[in-house]
Every structure is written in C-alpha cells, then in structure tokens.
C-alpha cells in the first residue's frame, strides 16, 4: 500500500511555529485555536507590515528544521511506515532558499535516513498516485481523490483552520480523522 503523508499541519506543527514568530514580531501571543481559517494572516488580522516581518522570519534558513512535531505524530507515522510504502508529500515554500533542504533534514531527524529519502516536494499533490493521503487541506484531498488509485482513502487531519465552510464542503469520500489512532485504524 502506498501512503502519502503531508507534513505541515499533519506531522509538523507549522501553526504553533508561526504563532511563536507572530508573538516575537507583534508582542501578542495567540492560541492555535485562533487560527480558524487557512490564512494565518487573515485569521489573526495582522497588518501587512507585521505579516511581512513574520514571513521574513519563517522563510529564513533553518525555520522548517526547527518546527516541532505534533504529539504522537512521529510514532504514528513510524507505525504506518512499518506496514506500508510511505512517502512524505509536502509543499515547498518557493520564496525560501532553504525550505526544501531544511524540510528534508527535518524528516531525516525524526524518521531516519531511509525515510528521509522518500520526500516529494510539490504544490500539486493531486498528480501523485497512492492508496491513501493524509492531509490537512480539504481542497488538496478533493483534488487528489479523482486521480488516486482505486479505493483510495483521503484522510483529513482535523485542525481548527479546516473546520470552516470549505472544511465542511469537501467530498464525502474523505474521512475526517482526529488522532493518529484514527489514522492507523483507517489505513488497512
């Protein structure tokens, strides 16, 4: 079985890392639940100058390497990788000169050299065929499913920012999951 797994929002807590930068830039700390839509900038109503300062920090060398994983995510991914052919499918950040390298190093750090070589950097996940995709963006799952292998499983990792109108409107062929135990139970 080929399992495709997104990184940010699924394994790596990108939101918390960005909120730390927002706190450094603005002096204001926001809880993760405050990010209730896909755009962190819009969710927090950040002024353009503050957002530019945040983006400068999160596209700086080393940022992607320093993001903390979600609790239980590393162990869950390792268990899934032990019984499937798992690939990380992650979007690059094109305005960062080191994002893809830092992300790959991050994956090696948490999953080892062998798994670190199974990384696909693309903003077009819908063209990657597989039997399951674990993702936090409903639109990505909806675009992927028609091109996936027959009987594929589209698993949406529940996050505050994917519960809004677009999160409720994704195809009924997708399954919302809340924990790594849920994901492991879905992937057969």
Foldseek 3Di string as FASTA:
>chain_A
DEEEEEPDPQWFPPLVLLQVLLCVQPVDHDDQLLQQADDPCVSVVPDPVSVVSSVVVCLEPPNLLPTHTDPPRLVLVQVVVVPHVYAYEYEADVVRPCRVVSNLVNCCVRPNDVRSVRYHHDPQCLQDEDQEYEEAALVNLLSNVVSYDPNHEYEHEDGSRLPPPNNVPHDPSYHYDHDSVRVVVVPD
